[in-house]
Amino acid sequence: MLTRATTSGTATITEQVLVYLRISEDRTGEEAGVERQRDDCLALCARLGLDVAESDVFMDNGLIIIHGVAEV
């Protein structure tokens, strides 16, 4: 939560951090690329002092949408 000064006093601003991870093709099915991205993104958020809830991490591992239908 941030507190910022405004012309009429102070305002409290709540930030929510979302992490979206995507790899377009996972030939092995191991999700190694997405897991590596997850580790890198969460490490960056930690360095920046940003809290990320586990429910705010979204993974798209090799999902392809063709004509509105999901194919894996």
PDB file of N, CA and C in Angstrom:
ATOM      1  N   MET A   1       0.848  -1.164   0.000  1.00  0.00           N
ATOM      2  CA  MET A   1       0.000   0.000   0.000  1.00  0.00           C
ATOM      3  C   MET A   1       0.901   1.237   0.000  1.00  0.00           C
ATOM      4  N   LEU A   2       0.552   2.208  -0.811  1.00  0.00           N
ATOM      5  CA  LEU A   2       1.319   3.446  -0.921  1.00  0.00           C
ATOM      6  C   LEU A   2       0.509   4.601  -0.359  1.00  0.00           C
ATOM      7  N   THR A   3       1.192   5.564   0.209  1.00  0.00           N
ATOM      8  CA  THR A   3       0.556   6.802   0.631  1.00  0.00           C
ATOM      9  C   THR A   3       1.232   7.933  -0.120  1.00  0.00           C
ATOM     10  N   ARG A   4       0.448   8.727  -0.803  1.00  0.00           N
ATOM     11  CA  ARG A   4       1.012   9.829  -1.588  1.00  0.00           C
ATOM     12  C   ARG A   4       0.363  11.136  -1.182  1.00  0.00           C
ATOM     13  N   ALA A   5       1.157  12.177  -1.191  1.00  0.00           N
ATOM     14  CA  ALA A   5       0.642  13.509  -0.880  1.00  0.00           C
ATOM     15  C   ALA A   5      -0.143  14.036  -2.077  1.00  0.00           C
ATOM     16  N   THR A   6      -1.239  14.693  -1.798  1.00  0.00           N
ATOM     17  CA  THR A   6      -2.020  15.354  -2.843  1.00  0.00           C
ATOM     18  C   THR A   6      -2.226  16.799  -2.425  1.00  0.00           C
ATOM     19  N   THR A   7      -2.816  17.571  -3.295  1.00  0.00           N
ATOM     20  CA  THR A   7      -3.042  18.983  -2.956  1.00  0.00           C
ATOM     21  C   THR A   7      -4.049  19.136  -1.825  1.00  0.00           C
ATOM     22  N   SER A   8      -4.892  18.121  -1.615  1.00  0.00           N
ATOM     23  CA  SER A   8      -5.893  18.219  -0.554  1.00  0.00           C
ATOM     24  C   SER A   8      -5.565  17.328   0.649  1.00  0.00           C
ATOM     25  N   GLY A   9      -4.321  16.856   0.754  1.00  0.00           N
ATOM     26  CA  GLY A   9      -3.935  16.011   1.881  1.00  0.00           C
ATOM     27  C   GLY A   9      -3.149  14.803   1.396  1.00  0.00           C
ATOM     28  N   THR A  10      -3.534  13.636   1.867  1.00  0.00           N
ATOM     29  CA  THR A  10      -2.867  12.415   1.431  1.00  0.00           C
ATOM     30  C   THR A  10      -3.896  11.431   0.888  1.00  0.00           C
ATOM     31  N   ALA A  11      -3.430  10.569   0.029  1.00  0.00           N
ATOM     32  CA  ALA A  11      -4.292   9.537  -0.535  1.00  0.00           C
ATOM     33  C   ALA A  11      -3.598   8.196  -0.363  1.00  0.00           C
ATOM     34  N   THR A  12      -4.363   7.190  -0.037  1.00  0.00           N
ATOM     35  CA  THR A  12      -3.820   5.844   0.071  1.00  0.00           C
ATOM     36  C   THR A  12      -4.145   5.101  -1.215  1.00  0.00           C
ATOM     37  N   ILE A  13      -3.135   4.539  -1.807  1.00  0.00           N
ATOM     38  CA  ILE A  13      -3.284   3.836  -3.074  1.00  0.00           C
ATOM     39  C   ILE A  13      -2.927   2.371  -2.855  1.00  0.00           C
ATOM     40  N   THR A  14      -3.824   1.504  -3.239  1.00  0.00           N
ATOM     41  CA  THR A  14      -3.569   0.073  -3.133  1.00  0.00           C
ATOM     42  C   THR A  14      -3.172  -0.442  -4.505  1.00  0.00           C
ATOM     43  N   GLU A  15      -2.056  -1.151  -4.557  1.00  0.00           N
ATOM     44  CA  GLU A  15      -1.593  -1.720  -5.814  1.00  0.00           C
ATOM     45  C   GLU A  15      -1.759  -3.226  -5.786  1.00  0.00           C
ATOM     46  N   GLN A  16      -2.143  -3.785  -6.921  1.00  0.00           N
ATOM     47  CA  GLN A  16      -2.206  -5.229  -7.072  1.00  0.00           C
ATOM     48  C   GLN A  16      -1.267  -5.592  -8.214  1.00  0.00           C
ATOM     49  N   VAL A  17      -0.420  -6.551  -7.969  1.00  0.00           N
ATOM     50  CA  VAL A  17       0.533  -6.986  -8.983  1.00  0.00           C
ATOM     51  C   VAL A  17       0.065  -8.316  -9.540  1.00  0.00           C
ATOM     52  N   LEU A  18      -0.048  -8.385 -10.863  1.00  0.00           N
ATOM     53  CA  LEU A  18      -0.393  -9.621 -11.551  1.00  0.00           C
ATOM     54  C   LEU A  18       0.798 -10.056 -12.386  1.00  0.00           C
ATOM     55  N   VAL A  19       1.037 -11.347 -12.437  1.00  0.00           N
ATOM     56  CA  VAL A  19       2.127 -11.889 -13.250  1.00  0.00           C
ATOM     57  C   VAL A  19       1.505 -12.836 -14.264  1.00  0.00           C
ATOM     58  N   TYR A  20       1.755 -12.571 -15.556  1.00  0.00           N
ATOM     59  CA  TYR A  20       1.246 -13.415 -16.631  1.00  0.00           C
ATOM     60  C   TYR A  20       2.444 -14.055 -17.318  1.00  0.00           C
ATOM     61  N   LEU A  21       2.467 -15.371 -17.332  1.00  0.00           N
ATOM     62  CA  LEU A  21       3.575 -16.122 -17.913  1.00  0.00           C
ATOM     63  C   LEU A  21       3.067 -16.870 -19.132  1.00  0.00           C
ATOM     64  N   ARG A  22       3.831 -16.826 -20.218  1.00  0.00           N
ATOM     65  CA  ARG A  22       3.370 -17.492 -21.424  1.00  0.00           C
ATOM     66  C   ARG A  22       4.546 -18.029 -22.214  1.00  0.00           C
ATOM     67  N   ILE A  23       4.372 -19.216 -22.711  1.00  0.00           N
ATOM     68  CA  ILE A  23       5.294 -19.783 -23.683  1.00  0.00           C
ATOM     69  C   ILE A  23       4.416 -20.351 -24.789  1.00  0.00           C
ATOM     70  N   SER A  24       4.748 -20.057 -26.035  1.00  0.00           N
ATOM     71  CA  SER A  24       3.849 -20.433 -27.121  1.00  0.00           C
ATOM     72  C   SER A  24       3.933 -21.910 -27.481  1.00  0.00           C
ATOM     73  N   GLU A  25       5.058 -22.537 -27.178  1.00  0.00           N
ATOM     74  CA  GLU A  25       5.186 -23.954 -27.510  1.00  0.00           C
ATOM     75  C   GLU A  25       6.032 -24.656 -26.460  1.00  0.00           C
ATOM     76  N   ASP A  26       5.517 -25.731 -25.929  1.00  0.00           N
ATOM     77  CA  ASP A  26       6.235 -26.531 -24.933  1.00  0.00           C
ATOM     78  C   ASP A  26       6.285 -27.959 -25.461  1.00  0.00           C
ATOM     79  N   ARG A  27       7.305 -28.255 -26.205  1.00  0.00           N
ATOM     80  CA  ARG A  27       7.394 -29.557 -26.883  1.00  0.00           C
ATOM     81  C   ARG A  27       7.559 -30.719 -25.925  1.00  0.00           C
ATOM     82  N   THR A  28       8.154 -30.481 -24.756  1.00  0.00           N
ATOM     83  CA  THR A  28       8.399 -31.576 -23.822  1.00  0.00           C
ATOM     84  C   THR A  28       7.281 -31.734 -22.809  1.00  0.00           C
ATOM     85  N   GLY A  29       6.464 -30.687 -22.621  1.00  0.00           N
ATOM     86  CA  GLY A  29       5.397 -30.738 -21.630  1.00  0.00           C
ATOM     87  C   GLY A  29       5.895 -30.566 -20.201  1.00  0.00           C
ATOM     88  N   GLU A  30       7.164 -30.209 -20.038  1.00  0.00           N
ATOM     89  CA  GLU A  30       7.762 -30.072 -18.709  1.00  0.00           C
ATOM     90  C   GLU A  30       7.490 -28.730 -18.053  1.00  0.00           C
ATOM     91  N   GLU A  31       6.991 -27.767 -18.801  1.00  0.00           N
ATOM     92  CA  GLU A  31       6.727 -26.414 -18.311  1.00  0.00           C
ATOM     93  C   GLU A  31       7.979 -25.728 -17.774  1.00  0.00           C
ATOM     94  N   ALA A  32       9.147 -26.160 -18.233  1.00  0.00           N
ATOM     95  CA  ALA A  32      10.410 -25.603 -17.736  1.00  0.00           C
ATOM     96  C   ALA A  32      10.546 -24.124 -18.076  1.00  0.00           C
ATOM     97  N   GLY A  33      10.170 -23.731 -19.294  1.00  0.00           N
ATOM     98  CA  GLY A  33      10.282 -22.331 -19.696  1.00  0.00           C
ATOM     99  C   GLY A  33       9.390 -21.430 -18.868  1.00  0.00           C
ATOM    100  N   VAL A  34       8.166 -21.860 -18.624  1.00  0.00           N
ATOM    101  CA  VAL A  34       7.233 -21.057 -17.839  1.00  0.00           C
ATOM    102  C   VAL A  34       7.669 -21.009 -16.379  1.00  0.00           C
ATOM    103  N   GLU A  35       8.165 -22.108 -15.857  1.00  0.00           N
ATOM    104  CA  GLU A  35       8.653 -22.110 -14.471  1.00  0.00           C
ATOM    105  C   GLU A  35       9.843 -21.165 -14.313  1.00  0.00           C
ATOM    106  N   ARG A  36      10.718 -21.137 -15.304  1.00  0.00           N
ATOM    107  CA  ARG A  36      11.871 -20.227 -15.267  1.00  0.00           C
ATOM    108  C   ARG A  36      11.385 -18.776 -15.301  1.00  0.00           C
ATOM    109  N   GLN A  37      10.401 -18.499 -16.165  1.00  0.00           N
ATOM    110  CA  GLN A  37       9.828 -17.149 -16.223  1.00  0.00           C
ATOM    111  C   GLN A  37       9.210 -16.773 -14.879  1.00  0.00           C
ATOM    112  N   ARG A  38       8.505 -17.724 -14.263  1.00  0.00           N
ATOM    113  CA  ARG A  38       7.861 -17.477 -12.972  1.00  0.00           C
ATOM    114  C   ARG A  38       8.898 -17.098 -11.926  1.00  0.00           C
ATOM    115  N   ASP A  39       9.974 -17.876 -11.850  1.00  0.00           N
ATOM    116  CA  ASP A  39      11.040 -17.591 -10.883  1.00  0.00           C
ATOM    117  C   ASP A  39      11.644 -16.215 -11.120  1.00  0.00           C
ATOM    118  N   ASP A  40      11.925 -15.892 -12.401  1.00  0.00           N
ATOM    119  CA  ASP A  40      12.522 -14.597 -12.740  1.00  0.00           C
ATOM    120  C   ASP A  40      11.586 -13.441 -12.391  1.00  0.00           C
ATOM    121  N   CYS A  41      10.310 -13.580 -12.730  1.00  0.00           N
ATOM    122  CA  CYS A  41       9.339 -12.510 -12.465  1.00  0.00           C
ATOM    123  C   CYS A  41       9.127 -12.289 -10.969  1.00  0.00           C
ATOM    124  N   LEU A  42       9.004 -13.385 -10.227  1.00  0.00           N
ATOM    125  CA  LEU A  42       8.802 -13.242  -8.784  1.00  0.00           C
ATOM    126  C   LEU A  42      10.044 -12.684  -8.096  1.00  0.00           C
ATOM    127  N   ALA A  43      11.231 -13.030  -8.603  1.00  0.00           N
ATOM    128  CA  ALA A  43      12.471 -12.458  -8.054  1.00  0.00           C
ATOM    129  C   ALA A  43      12.521 -10.955  -8.318  1.00  0.00           C
ATOM    130  N   LEU A  44      12.117 -10.539  -9.511  1.00  0.00           N
ATOM    131  CA  LEU A  44      12.093  -9.115  -9.838  1.00  0.00           C
ATOM    132  C   LEU A  44      11.100  -8.377  -8.937  1.00  0.00           C
ATOM    133  N   CYS A  45       9.920  -8.937  -8.763  1.00  0.00           N
ATOM    134  CA  CYS A  45       8.919  -8.319  -7.882  1.00  0.00           C
ATOM    135  C   CYS A  45       9.455  -8.183  -6.463  1.00  0.00           C
ATOM    136  N   ALA A  46      10.146  -9.210  -5.985  1.00  0.00           N
ATOM    137  CA  ALA A  46      10.719  -9.163  -4.634  1.00  0.00           C
ATOM    138  C   ALA A  46      11.756  -8.049  -4.533  1.00  0.00           C
ATOM    139  N   ARG A  47      12.614  -7.912  -5.556  1.00  0.00           N
ATOM    140  CA  ARG A  47      13.630  -6.843  -5.544  1.00  0.00           C
ATOM    141  C   ARG A  47      12.993  -5.466  -5.540  1.00  0.00           C
ATOM    142  N   LEU A  48      11.839  -5.344  -6.198  1.00  0.00           N
ATOM    143  CA  LEU A  48      11.138  -4.061  -6.268  1.00  0.00           C
ATOM    144  C   LEU A  48      10.227  -3.827  -5.068  1.00  0.00           C
ATOM    145  N   GLY A  49      10.156  -4.811  -4.170  1.00  0.00           N
ATOM    146  CA  GLY A  49       9.326  -4.679  -2.982  1.00  0.00           C
ATOM    147  C   GLY A  49       7.841  -4.861  -3.256  1.00  0.00           C
ATOM    148  N   LEU A  50       7.515  -5.583  -4.321  1.00  0.00           N
ATOM    149  CA  LEU A  50       6.127  -5.812  -4.696  1.00  0.00           C
ATOM    150  C   LEU A  50       5.684  -7.185  -4.211  1.00  0.00           C
ATOM    151  N   ASP A  51       4.549  -7.240  -3.548  1.00  0.00           N
ATOM    152  CA  ASP A  51       3.989  -8.504  -3.087  1.00  0.00           C
ATOM    153  C   ASP A  51       3.104  -9.083  -4.178  1.00  0.00           C
ATOM    154  N   VAL A  52       3.279 -10.364  -4.457  1.00  0.00           N
ATOM    155  CA  VAL A  52       2.469 -11.056  -5.461  1.00  0.00           C
ATOM    156  C   VAL A  52       1.803 -12.249  -4.788  1.00  0.00           C
ATOM    157  N   ALA A  53       0.481 -12.247  -4.789  1.00  0.00           N
ATOM    158  CA  ALA A  53      -0.259 -13.384  -4.253  1.00  0.00           C
ATOM    159  C   ALA A  53      -0.174 -14.536  -5.248  1.00  0.00           C
ATOM    160  N   GLU A  54      -0.107 -15.765  -4.748  1.00  0.00           N
ATOM    161  CA  GLU A  54      -0.025 -16.937  -5.623  1.00  0.00           C
ATOM    162  C   GLU A  54      -1.207 -16.982  -6.591  1.00  0.00           C
ATOM    163  N   SER A  55      -2.358 -16.518  -6.139  1.00  0.00           N
ATOM    164  CA  SER A  55      -3.546 -16.509  -6.999  1.00  0.00           C
ATOM    165  C   SER A  55      -3.467 -15.448  -8.096  1.00  0.00           C
ATOM    166  N   ASP A  56      -2.455 -14.576  -8.038  1.00  0.00           N
ATOM    167  CA  ASP A  56      -2.268 -13.532  -9.044  1.00  0.00           C
ATOM    168  C   ASP A  56      -1.172 -13.879 -10.048  1.00  0.00           C
ATOM    169  N   VAL A  57      -0.765 -15.151 -10.080  1.00  0.00           N
ATOM    170  CA  VAL A  57       0.218 -15.628 -11.059  1.00  0.00           C
ATOM    171  C   VAL A  57      -0.538 -16.510 -12.042  1.00  0.00           C
ATOM    172  N   PHE A  58      -0.534 -16.099 -13.309  1.00  0.00           N
ATOM    173  CA  PHE A  58      -1.272 -16.805 -14.353  1.00  0.00           C
ATOM    174  C   PHE A  58      -0.299 -17.425 -15.344  1.00  0.00           C
ATOM    175  N   MET A  59      -0.484 -18.716 -15.623  1.00  0.00           N
ATOM    176  CA  MET A  59       0.415 -19.433 -16.525  1.00  0.00           C
ATOM    177  C   MET A  59      -0.340 -19.890 -17.767  1.00  0.00           C
ATOM    178  N   ASP A  60       0.227 -19.603 -18.934  1.00  0.00           N
ATOM    179  CA  ASP A  60      -0.300 -20.051 -20.222  1.00  0.00           C
ATOM    180  C   ASP A  60       0.838 -20.826 -20.867  1.00  0.00           C
ATOM    181  N   ASN A  61       0.805 -22.122 -20.725  1.00  0.00           N
ATOM    182  CA  ASN A  61       1.916 -22.940 -21.189  1.00  0.00           C
ATOM    183  C   ASN A  61       1.538 -23.712 -22.448  1.00  0.00           C
ATOM    184  N   GLY A  62       1.836 -23.117 -23.591  1.00  0.00           N
ATOM    185  CA  GLY A  62       1.623 -23.801 -24.858  1.00  0.00           C
ATOM    186  C   GLY A  62       0.179 -23.882 -25.293  1.00  0.00           C
ATOM    187  N   LEU A  63      -0.698 -23.048 -24.739  1.00  0.00           N
ATOM    188  CA  LEU A  63      -2.096 -23.048 -25.133  1.00  0.00           C
ATOM    189  C   LEU A  63      -2.248 -22.266 -26.428  1.00  0.00           C
ATOM    190  N   ILE A  64      -2.903 -22.857 -27.384  1.00  0.00           N
ATOM    191  CA  ILE A  64      -3.095 -22.215 -28.685  1.00  0.00           C
ATOM    192  C   ILE A  64      -4.592 -22.052 -28.897  1.00  0.00           C
ATOM    193  N   ILE A  65      -5.001 -20.859 -29.303  1.00  0.00           N
ATOM    194  CA  ILE A  65      -6.404 -20.599 -29.606  1.00  0.00           C
ATOM    195  C   ILE A  65      -6.555 -20.501 -31.125  1.00  0.00           C
ATOM    196  N   ILE A  66      -7.350 -21.399 -31.685  1.00  0.00           N
ATOM    197  CA  ILE A  66      -7.612 -21.383 -33.120  1.00  0.00           C
ATOM    198  C   ILE A  66      -9.125 -21.281 -33.308  1.00  0.00           C
ATOM    199  N   HIS A  67      -9.573 -20.202 -33.949  1.00  0.00           N
ATOM    200  CA  HIS A  67     -10.989 -19.983 -34.195  1.00  0.00           C
ATOM    201  C   HIS A  67     -11.806 -20.075 -32.905  1.00  0.00           C
ATOM    202  N   GLY A  68     -11.256 -19.514 -31.815  1.00  0.00           N
ATOM    203  CA  GLY A  68     -11.969 -19.458 -30.556  1.00  0.00           C
ATOM    204  C   GLY A  68     -11.996 -20.749 -29.767  1.00  0.00           C
ATOM    205  N   VAL A  69     -11.268 -21.770 -30.222  1.00  0.00           N
ATOM    206  CA  VAL A  69     -11.219 -23.050 -29.527  1.00  0.00           C
ATOM    207  C   VAL A  69      -9.801 -23.291 -29.019  1.00  0.00           C
ATOM    208  N   ALA A  70      -9.680 -23.619 -27.748  1.00  0.00           N
ATOM    209  CA  ALA A  70      -8.370 -23.875 -27.156  1.00  0.00           C
ATOM    210  C   ALA A  70      -7.862 -25.255 -27.566  1.00  0.00           C
ATOM    211  N   GLU A  71      -6.620 -25.284 -28.007  1.00  0.00           N
ATOM    212  CA  GLU A  71      -5.969 -26.562 -28.326  1.00  0.00           C
ATOM    213  C   GLU A  71      -4.658 -26.631 -27.580  1.00  0.00           C
ATOM    214  N   VAL A  72      -4.329 -27.773 -27.039  1.00  0.00           N
ATOM    215  CA  VAL A  72      -3.073 -27.935 -26.304  1.00  0.00           C
ATOM    216  C   VAL A  72      -2.156 -28.827 -27.089  1.00  0.00           C
TER     217      VAL A  72
END
